[in-house]
Amino acid sequence: MQKEELIHLHMLMIHIKKYCESISDNEIPSERYKSLEISPLHIHKEKNAHRIALLTLSDEIVTHLHGQSIHVMNSPPGNASTKAAAER
């Protein structure tokens, strides 16, 4: 994977974190990610630094989501699927 692609995925993961926080009203703990002191805007940093940041952030998001309960709700009549998973 090219450095530019890693930076793009790094930015996408930041957006995913913010989205998860906004729908759950819970902040996702990201101390390990913050300790790396790298953001997608740091394009001068090495490719490996962005790879580590991406993997660390994604691990923290997944770990947090695994701790959350997911509720199954019935969907409105007329939809193709009969059930949808929704987070709190």
PDB file of N, CA and C in Angstrom:
ATOM      1  N   MET A   1       0.841  -1.169   0.000  1.00  0.00           N
ATOM      2  CA  MET A   1       0.000   0.000   0.000  1.00  0.00           C
ATOM      3  C   MET A   1       0.892   1.239   0.000  1.00  0.00           C
ATOM      4  N   GLN A   2       0.487   2.212  -0.763  1.00  0.00           N
ATOM      5  CA  GLN A   2       1.241   3.455  -0.869  1.00  0.00           C
ATOM      6  C   GLN A   2       0.996   4.350   0.350  1.00  0.00           C
ATOM      7  N   LYS A   3       1.933   5.228   0.624  1.00  0.00           N
ATOM      8  CA  LYS A   3       1.828   6.137   1.763  1.00  0.00           C
ATOM      9  C   LYS A   3       0.571   6.999   1.652  1.00  0.00           C
ATOM     10  N   GLU A   4       0.289   7.488   0.474  1.00  0.00           N
ATOM     11  CA  GLU A   4      -0.894   8.330   0.265  1.00  0.00           C
ATOM     12  C   GLU A   4      -2.180   7.575   0.620  1.00  0.00           C
ATOM     13  N   GLU A   5      -2.243   6.299   0.281  1.00  0.00           N
ATOM     14  CA  GLU A   5      -3.415   5.481   0.606  1.00  0.00           C
ATOM     15  C   GLU A   5      -3.544   5.279   2.117  1.00  0.00           C
ATOM     16  N   LEU A   6      -2.415   5.059   2.781  1.00  0.00           N
ATOM     17  CA  LEU A   6      -2.420   4.910   4.239  1.00  0.00           C
ATOM     18  C   LEU A   6      -2.914   6.187   4.917  1.00  0.00           C
ATOM     19  N   ILE A   7      -2.459   7.317   4.437  1.00  0.00           N
ATOM     20  CA  ILE A   7      -2.890   8.598   5.005  1.00  0.00           C
ATOM     21  C   ILE A   7      -4.391   8.782   4.799  1.00  0.00           C
ATOM     22  N   HIS A   8      -4.879   8.393   3.629  1.00  0.00           N
ATOM     23  CA  HIS A   8      -6.311   8.484   3.345  1.00  0.00           C
ATOM     24  C   HIS A   8      -7.102   7.588   4.306  1.00  0.00           C
ATOM     25  N   LEU A   9      -6.648   6.364   4.516  1.00  0.00           N
ATOM     26  CA  LEU A   9      -7.314   5.454   5.452  1.00  0.00           C
ATOM     27  C   LEU A   9      -7.224   5.965   6.891  1.00  0.00           C
ATOM     28  N   HIS A  10      -6.114   6.565   7.217  1.00  0.00           N
ATOM     29  CA  HIS A  10      -5.924   7.153   8.545  1.00  0.00           C
ATOM     30  C   HIS A  10      -6.995   8.236   8.769  1.00  0.00           C
ATOM     31  N   MET A  11      -7.191   9.100   7.791  1.00  0.00           N
ATOM     32  CA  MET A  11      -8.210  10.156   7.887  1.00  0.00           C
ATOM     33  C   MET A  11      -9.605   9.541   7.970  1.00  0.00           C
ATOM     34  N   LEU A  12      -9.856   8.519   7.182  1.00  0.00           N
ATOM     35  CA  LEU A  12     -11.152   7.848   7.210  1.00  0.00           C
ATOM     36  C   LEU A  12     -11.421   7.257   8.593  1.00  0.00           C
ATOM     37  N   MET A  13     -10.412   6.677   9.213  1.00  0.00           N
ATOM     38  CA  MET A  13     -10.587   6.091  10.543  1.00  0.00           C
ATOM     39  C   MET A  13     -10.906   7.171  11.572  1.00  0.00           C
ATOM     40  N   ILE A  14     -10.332   8.358  11.431  1.00  0.00           N
ATOM     41  CA  ILE A  14     -10.667   9.480  12.320  1.00  0.00           C
ATOM     42  C   ILE A  14     -12.146   9.827  12.158  1.00  0.00           C
ATOM     43  N   HIS A  15     -12.630   9.853  10.920  1.00  0.00           N
ATOM     44  CA  HIS A  15     -14.045  10.157  10.669  1.00  0.00           C
ATOM     45  C   HIS A  15     -14.954   9.068  11.236  1.00  0.00           C
ATOM     46  N   ILE A  16     -14.537   7.825  11.130  1.00  0.00           N
ATOM     47  CA  ILE A  16     -15.315   6.711  11.693  1.00  0.00           C
ATOM     48  C   ILE A  16     -15.397   6.859  13.212  1.00  0.00           C
ATOM     49  N   LYS A  17     -14.281   7.203  13.845  1.00  0.00           N
ATOM     50  CA  LYS A  17     -14.269   7.401  15.295  1.00  0.00           C
ATOM     51  C   LYS A  17     -15.233   8.510  15.683  1.00  0.00           C
ATOM     52  N   LYS A  18     -15.170   9.639  14.996  1.00  0.00           N
ATOM     53  CA  LYS A  18     -16.058  10.764  15.304  1.00  0.00           C
ATOM     54  C   LYS A  18     -17.517  10.401  15.078  1.00  0.00           C
ATOM     55  N   TYR A  19     -17.789   9.641  14.024  1.00  0.00           N
ATOM     56  CA  TYR A  19     -19.163   9.218  13.748  1.00  0.00           C
ATOM     57  C   TYR A  19     -19.679   8.305  14.863  1.00  0.00           C
ATOM     58  N   CYS A  20     -18.882   7.329  15.257  1.00  0.00           N
ATOM     59  CA  CYS A  20     -19.280   6.415  16.343  1.00  0.00           C
ATOM     60  C   CYS A  20     -19.527   7.179  17.634  1.00  0.00           C
ATOM     61  N   GLU A  21     -18.691   8.158  17.900  1.00  0.00           N
ATOM     62  CA  GLU A  21     -18.881   8.970  19.108  1.00  0.00           C
ATOM     63  C   GLU A  21     -20.163   9.790  19.027  1.00  0.00           C
ATOM     64  N   SER A  22     -20.478  10.295  17.852  1.00  0.00           N
ATOM     65  CA  SER A  22     -21.666  11.138  17.719  1.00  0.00           C
ATOM     66  C   SER A  22     -22.966  10.350  17.844  1.00  0.00           C
ATOM     67  N   ILE A  23     -22.989   9.104  17.366  1.00  0.00           N
ATOM     68  CA  ILE A  23     -24.240   8.341  17.463  1.00  0.00           C
ATOM     69  C   ILE A  23     -24.407   7.671  18.814  1.00  0.00           C
ATOM     70  N   SER A  24     -23.316   7.512  19.553  1.00  0.00           N
ATOM     71  CA  SER A  24     -23.415   6.840  20.843  1.00  0.00           C
ATOM     72  C   SER A  24     -23.321   7.806  22.024  1.00  0.00           C
ATOM     73  N   ASP A  25     -22.953   9.038  21.777  1.00  0.00           N
ATOM     74  CA  ASP A  25     -22.735  10.028  22.836  1.00  0.00           C
ATOM     75  C   ASP A  25     -21.695   9.560  23.856  1.00  0.00           C
ATOM     76  N   ASN A  26     -20.791   8.710  23.433  1.00  0.00           N
ATOM     77  CA  ASN A  26     -19.680   8.239  24.271  1.00  0.00           C
ATOM     78  C   ASN A  26     -18.375   8.515  23.561  1.00  0.00           C
ATOM     79  N   GLU A  27     -17.417   9.051  24.300  1.00  0.00           N
ATOM     80  CA  GLU A  27     -16.099   9.263  23.712  1.00  0.00           C
ATOM     81  C   GLU A  27     -15.361   7.933  23.674  1.00  0.00           C
ATOM     82  N   ILE A  28     -14.731   7.644  22.551  1.00  0.00           N
ATOM     83  CA  ILE A  28     -13.945   6.423  22.414  1.00  0.00           C
ATOM     84  C   ILE A  28     -12.551   6.705  22.975  1.00  0.00           C
ATOM     85  N   PRO A  29     -12.156   5.972  24.015  1.00  0.00           N
ATOM     86  CA  PRO A  29     -10.822   6.193  24.580  1.00  0.00           C
ATOM     87  C   PRO A  29      -9.745   5.911  23.534  1.00  0.00           C
ATOM     88  N   SER A  30      -8.831   6.840  23.386  1.00  0.00           N
ATOM     89  CA  SER A  30      -7.783   6.653  22.374  1.00  0.00           C
ATOM     90  C   SER A  30      -6.430   7.148  22.883  1.00  0.00           C
ATOM     91  N   GLU A  31      -6.105   6.765  24.095  1.00  0.00           N
ATOM     92  CA  GLU A  31      -4.845   7.198  24.703  1.00  0.00           C
ATOM     93  C   GLU A  31      -3.636   6.674  23.947  1.00  0.00           C
ATOM     94  N   ARG A  32      -3.687   5.403  23.529  1.00  0.00           N
ATOM     95  CA  ARG A  32      -2.537   4.837  22.793  1.00  0.00           C
ATOM     96  C   ARG A  32      -2.333   5.586  21.482  1.00  0.00           C
ATOM     97  N   TYR A  33      -3.434   5.877  20.779  1.00  0.00           N
ATOM     98  CA  TYR A  33      -3.335   6.609  19.513  1.00  0.00           C
ATOM     99  C   TYR A  33      -2.776   8.011  19.751  1.00  0.00           C
ATOM    100  N   LYS A  34      -3.301   8.697  20.766  1.00  0.00           N
ATOM    101  CA  LYS A  34      -2.845  10.062  21.063  1.00  0.00           C
ATOM    102  C   LYS A  34      -1.369  10.085  21.444  1.00  0.00           C
ATOM    103  N   SER A  35      -0.903   9.029  22.108  1.00  0.00           N
ATOM    104  CA  SER A  35       0.501   8.984  22.525  1.00  0.00           C
ATOM    105  C   SER A  35       1.460   8.893  21.340  1.00  0.00           C
ATOM    106  N   LEU A  36       0.953   8.469  20.179  1.00  0.00           N
ATOM    107  CA  LEU A  36       1.794   8.381  18.976  1.00  0.00           C
ATOM    108  C   LEU A  36       2.103   9.761  18.403  1.00  0.00           C
ATOM    109  N   GLU A  37       1.274  10.746  18.756  1.00  0.00           N
ATOM    110  CA  GLU A  37       1.451  12.126  18.298  1.00  0.00           C
ATOM    111  C   GLU A  37       1.585  12.227  16.785  1.00  0.00           C
ATOM    112  N   ILE A  38       0.623  11.610  16.103  1.00  0.00           N
ATOM    113  CA  ILE A  38       0.572  11.685  14.641  1.00  0.00           C
ATOM    114  C   ILE A  38      -0.877  11.815  14.223  1.00  0.00           C
ATOM    115  N   SER A  39      -1.108  12.630  13.225  1.00  0.00           N
ATOM    116  CA  SER A  39      -2.445  12.770  12.653  1.00  0.00           C
ATOM    117  C   SER A  39      -2.322  12.615  11.143  1.00  0.00           C
ATOM    118  N   PRO A  40      -3.443  12.443  10.461  1.00  0.00           N
ATOM    119  CA  PRO A  40      -3.380  12.320   9.000  1.00  0.00           C
ATOM    120  C   PRO A  40      -2.811  13.572   8.329  1.00  0.00           C
ATOM    121  N   LEU A  41      -2.822  14.679   9.043  1.00  0.00           N
ATOM    122  CA  LEU A  41      -2.276  15.925   8.488  1.00  0.00           C
ATOM    123  C   LEU A  41      -0.753  15.960   8.515  1.00  0.00           C
ATOM    124  N   HIS A  42      -0.142  15.050   9.247  1.00  0.00           N
ATOM    125  CA  HIS A  42       1.320  14.988   9.320  1.00  0.00           C
ATOM    126  C   HIS A  42       1.864  14.176   8.143  1.00  0.00           C
ATOM    127  N   ILE A  43       1.761  14.738   6.969  1.00  0.00           N
ATOM    128  CA  ILE A  43       2.150  13.998   5.760  1.00  0.00           C
ATOM    129  C   ILE A  43       3.656  13.787   5.660  1.00  0.00           C
ATOM    130  N   HIS A  44       4.428  14.545   6.440  1.00  0.00           N
ATOM    131  CA  HIS A  44       5.886  14.404   6.418  1.00  0.00           C
ATOM    132  C   HIS A  44       6.363  13.188   7.220  1.00  0.00           C
ATOM    133  N   LYS A  45       5.479  12.621   8.053  1.00  0.00           N
ATOM    134  CA  LYS A  45       5.865  11.454   8.856  1.00  0.00           C
ATOM    135  C   LYS A  45       6.027  10.232   7.962  1.00  0.00           C
ATOM    136  N   GLU A  46       6.763   9.269   8.449  1.00  0.00           N
ATOM    137  CA  GLU A  46       7.035   8.056   7.671  1.00  0.00           C
ATOM    138  C   GLU A  46       5.772   7.231   7.450  1.00  0.00           C
ATOM    139  N   LYS A  47       5.800   6.471   6.389  1.00  0.00           N
ATOM    140  CA  LYS A  47       4.685   5.585   6.044  1.00  0.00           C
ATOM    141  C   LYS A  47       4.376   4.631   7.195  1.00  0.00           C
ATOM    142  N   ASN A  48       5.392   4.070   7.809  1.00  0.00           N
ATOM    143  CA  ASN A  48       5.194   3.115   8.893  1.00  0.00           C
ATOM    144  C   ASN A  48       4.523   3.768  10.102  1.00  0.00           C
ATOM    145  N   ALA A  49       4.807   5.035  10.347  1.00  0.00           N
ATOM    146  CA  ALA A  49       4.172   5.748  11.454  1.00  0.00           C
ATOM    147  C   ALA A  49       2.672   5.863  11.222  1.00  0.00           C
ATOM    148  N   HIS A  50       2.274   6.128   9.982  1.00  0.00           N
ATOM    149  CA  HIS A  50       0.844   6.198   9.648  1.00  0.00           C
ATOM    150  C   HIS A  50       0.206   4.814   9.743  1.00  0.00           C
ATOM    151  N   ARG A  51       0.926   3.797   9.355  1.00  0.00           N
ATOM    152  CA  ARG A  51       0.404   2.423   9.448  1.00  0.00           C
ATOM    153  C   ARG A  51       0.143   2.057  10.907  1.00  0.00           C
ATOM    154  N   ILE A  52       1.093   2.358  11.762  1.00  0.00           N
ATOM    155  CA  ILE A  52       0.946   2.059  13.190  1.00  0.00           C
ATOM    156  C   ILE A  52      -0.217   2.865  13.780  1.00  0.00           C
ATOM    157  N   ALA A  53      -0.320   4.133  13.411  1.00  0.00           N
ATOM    158  CA  ALA A  53      -1.412   4.974  13.911  1.00  0.00           C
ATOM    159  C   ALA A  53      -2.769   4.440  13.459  1.00  0.00           C
ATOM    160  N   LEU A  54      -2.872   4.049  12.205  1.00  0.00           N
ATOM    161  CA  LEU A  54      -4.115   3.501  11.663  1.00  0.00           C
ATOM    162  C   LEU A  54      -4.515   2.229  12.399  1.00  0.00           C
ATOM    163  N   LEU A  55      -3.579   1.321  12.581  1.00  0.00           N
ATOM    164  CA  LEU A  55      -3.872   0.065  13.270  1.00  0.00           C
ATOM    165  C   LEU A  55      -4.207   0.284  14.742  1.00  0.00           C
ATOM    166  N   THR A  56      -3.510   1.197  15.384  1.00  0.00           N
ATOM    167  CA  THR A  56      -3.764   1.491  16.791  1.00  0.00           C
ATOM    168  C   THR A  56      -5.148   2.098  16.973  1.00  0.00           C
ATOM    169  N   LEU A  57      -5.477   3.080  16.147  1.00  0.00           N
ATOM    170  CA  LEU A  57      -6.786   3.728  16.249  1.00  0.00           C
ATOM    171  C   LEU A  57      -7.913   2.754  15.946  1.00  0.00           C
ATOM    172  N   SER A  58      -7.741   1.953  14.921  1.00  0.00           N
ATOM    173  CA  SER A  58      -8.795   0.985  14.585  1.00  0.00           C
ATOM    174  C   SER A  58      -8.965  -0.045  15.703  1.00  0.00           C
ATOM    175  N   ASP A  59      -7.881  -0.448  16.333  1.00  0.00           N
ATOM    176  CA  ASP A  59      -7.971  -1.380  17.453  1.00  0.00           C
ATOM    177  C   ASP A  59      -8.730  -0.759  18.621  1.00  0.00           C
ATOM    178  N   GLU A  60      -8.464   0.503  18.905  1.00  0.00           N
ATOM    179  CA  GLU A  60      -9.159   1.168  20.002  1.00  0.00           C
ATOM    180  C   GLU A  60     -10.651   1.332  19.711  1.00  0.00           C
ATOM    181  N   ILE A  61     -10.996   1.613  18.468  1.00  0.00           N
ATOM    182  CA  ILE A  61     -12.410   1.743  18.087  1.00  0.00           C
ATOM    183  C   ILE A  61     -13.116   0.399  18.225  1.00  0.00           C
ATOM    184  N   VAL A  62     -12.518  -0.650  17.683  1.00  0.00           N
ATOM    185  CA  VAL A  62     -13.128  -1.984  17.741  1.00  0.00           C
ATOM    186  C   VAL A  62     -13.258  -2.459  19.186  1.00  0.00           C
ATOM    187  N   THR A  63     -12.236  -2.242  19.980  1.00  0.00           N
ATOM    188  CA  THR A  63     -12.283  -2.631  21.392  1.00  0.00           C
ATOM    189  C   THR A  63     -13.433  -1.922  22.098  1.00  0.00           C
ATOM    190  N   HIS A  64     -13.599  -0.644  21.824  1.00  0.00           N
ATOM    191  CA  HIS A  64     -14.693   0.124  22.432  1.00  0.00           C
ATOM    192  C   HIS A  64     -16.053  -0.394  21.960  1.00  0.00           C
ATOM    193  N   LEU A  65     -16.182  -0.655  20.669  1.00  0.00           N
ATOM    194  CA  LEU A  65     -17.470  -1.119  20.136  1.00  0.00           C
ATOM    195  C   LEU A  65     -17.833  -2.501  20.655  1.00  0.00           C
ATOM    196  N   HIS A  66     -16.857  -3.337  20.882  1.00  0.00           N
ATOM    197  CA  HIS A  66     -17.141  -4.664  21.432  1.00  0.00           C
ATOM    198  C   HIS A  66     -17.706  -4.559  22.847  1.00  0.00           C
ATOM    199  N   GLY A  67     -17.372  -3.505  23.545  1.00  0.00           N
ATOM    200  CA  GLY A  67     -17.878  -3.295  24.888  1.00  0.00           C
ATOM    201  C   GLY A  67     -19.277  -2.701  24.915  1.00  0.00           C
ATOM    202  N   GLN A  68     -19.763  -2.229  23.770  1.00  0.00           N
ATOM    203  CA  GLN A  68     -21.095  -1.635  23.675  1.00  0.00           C
ATOM    204  C   GLN A  68     -22.115  -2.706  23.339  1.00  0.00           C
ATOM    205  N   SER A  69     -23.332  -2.526  23.829  1.00  0.00           N
ATOM    206  CA  SER A  69     -24.387  -3.477  23.460  1.00  0.00           C
ATOM    207  C   SER A  69     -25.065  -3.002  22.186  1.00  0.00           C
ATOM    208  N   ILE A  70     -25.458  -3.944  21.377  1.00  0.00           N
ATOM    209  CA  ILE A  70     -26.149  -3.651  20.117  1.00  0.00           C
ATOM    210  C   ILE A  70     -27.570  -4.168  20.240  1.00  0.00           C
ATOM    211  N   HIS A  71     -28.526  -3.320  19.920  1.00  0.00           N
ATOM    212  CA  HIS A  71     -29.932  -3.678  20.012  1.00  0.00           C
ATOM    213  C   HIS A  71     -30.467  -3.999  18.627  1.00  0.00           C
ATOM    214  N   VAL A  72     -31.328  -5.001  18.539  1.00  0.00           N
ATOM    215  CA  VAL A  72     -31.963  -5.350  17.274  1.00  0.00           C
ATOM    216  C   VAL A  72     -33.353  -4.752  17.295  1.00  0.00           C
ATOM    217  N   MET A  73     -33.671  -4.002  16.247  1.00  0.00           N
ATOM    218  CA  MET A  73     -34.970  -3.334  16.165  1.00  0.00           C
ATOM    219  C   MET A  73     -35.712  -3.837  14.937  1.00  0.00           C
ATOM    220  N   ASN A  74     -37.023  -3.863  15.009  1.00  0.00           N
ATOM    221  CA  ASN A  74     -37.819  -4.192  13.837  1.00  0.00           C
ATOM    222  C   ASN A  74     -37.817  -2.998  12.904  1.00  0.00           C
ATOM    223  N   SER A  75     -37.709  -3.258  11.620  1.00  0.00           N
ATOM    224  CA  SER A  75     -37.727  -2.168  10.651  1.00  0.00           C
ATOM    225  C   SER A  75     -39.170  -1.860  10.267  1.00  0.00           C
ATOM    226  N   PRO A  76     -39.413  -0.670   9.729  1.00  0.00           N
ATOM    227  CA  PRO A  76     -40.765  -0.316   9.323  1.00  0.00           C
ATOM    228  C   PRO A  76     -41.266  -1.249   8.226  1.00  0.00           C
ATOM    229  N   PRO A  77     -42.594  -1.489   8.158  1.00  0.00           N
ATOM    230  CA  PRO A  77     -43.140  -2.343   7.105  1.00  0.00           C
ATOM    231  C   PRO A  77     -42.791  -1.796   5.731  1.00  0.00           C
ATOM    232  N   GLY A  78     -42.621  -2.700   4.798  1.00  0.00           N
ATOM    233  CA  GLY A  78     -42.319  -2.300   3.429  1.00  0.00           C
ATOM    234  C   GLY A  78     -40.850  -2.376   3.073  1.00  0.00           C
ATOM    235  N   ASN A  79     -39.975  -2.527   4.064  1.00  0.00           N
ATOM    236  CA  ASN A  79     -38.549  -2.669   3.788  1.00  0.00           C
ATOM    237  C   ASN A  79     -38.250  -4.117   3.435  1.00  0.00           C
ATOM    238  N   ALA A  80     -37.214  -4.312   2.647  1.00  0.00           N
ATOM    239  CA  ALA A  80     -36.833  -5.669   2.232  1.00  0.00           C
ATOM    240  C   ALA A  80     -36.352  -6.498   3.429  1.00  0.00           C
ATOM    241  N   SER A  81     -35.599  -5.878   4.321  1.00  0.00           N
ATOM    242  CA  SER A  81     -35.130  -6.623   5.482  1.00  0.00           C
ATOM    243  C   SER A  81     -36.135  -6.448   6.618  1.00  0.00           C
ATOM    244  N   THR A  82     -36.229  -7.453   7.459  1.00  0.00           N
ATOM    245  CA  THR A  82     -37.206  -7.385   8.544  1.00  0.00           C
ATOM    246  C   THR A  82     -36.610  -6.897   9.839  1.00  0.00           C
ATOM    247  N   LYS A  83     -35.295  -6.954   9.969  1.00  0.00           N
ATOM    248  CA  LYS A  83     -34.648  -6.488  11.185  1.00  0.00           C
ATOM    249  C   LYS A  83     -33.408  -5.687  10.828  1.00  0.00           C
ATOM    250  N   ALA A  84     -33.081  -4.741  11.695  1.00  0.00           N
ATOM    251  CA  ALA A  84     -31.878  -3.952  11.493  1.00  0.00           C
ATOM    252  C   ALA A  84     -31.166  -3.838  12.826  1.00  0.00           C
ATOM    253  N   ALA A  85     -29.862  -3.885  12.783  1.00  0.00           N
ATOM    254  CA  ALA A  85     -29.077  -3.717  14.008  1.00  0.00           C
ATOM    255  C   ALA A  85     -28.835  -2.224  14.202  1.00  0.00           C
ATOM    256  N   ALA A  86     -29.003  -1.781  15.401  1.00  0.00           N
ATOM    257  CA  ALA A  86     -28.762  -0.373  15.715  1.00  0.00           C
ATOM    258  C   ALA A  86     -28.013  -0.280  17.017  1.00  0.00           C
ATOM    259  N   GLU A  87     -27.081   0.643  17.079  1.00  0.00           N
ATOM    260  CA  GLU A  87     -26.346   0.872  18.313  1.00  0.00           C
ATOM    261  C   GLU A  87     -27.142   1.809  19.185  1.00  0.00           C
ATOM    262  N   ARG A  88     -26.851   1.770  20.452  1.00  0.00           N
ATOM    263  CA  ARG A  88     -27.494   2.678  21.399  1.00  0.00           C
ATOM    264  C   ARG A  88     -27.387   4.087  20.977  1.00  0.00           C
TER     265      ARG A  88
END
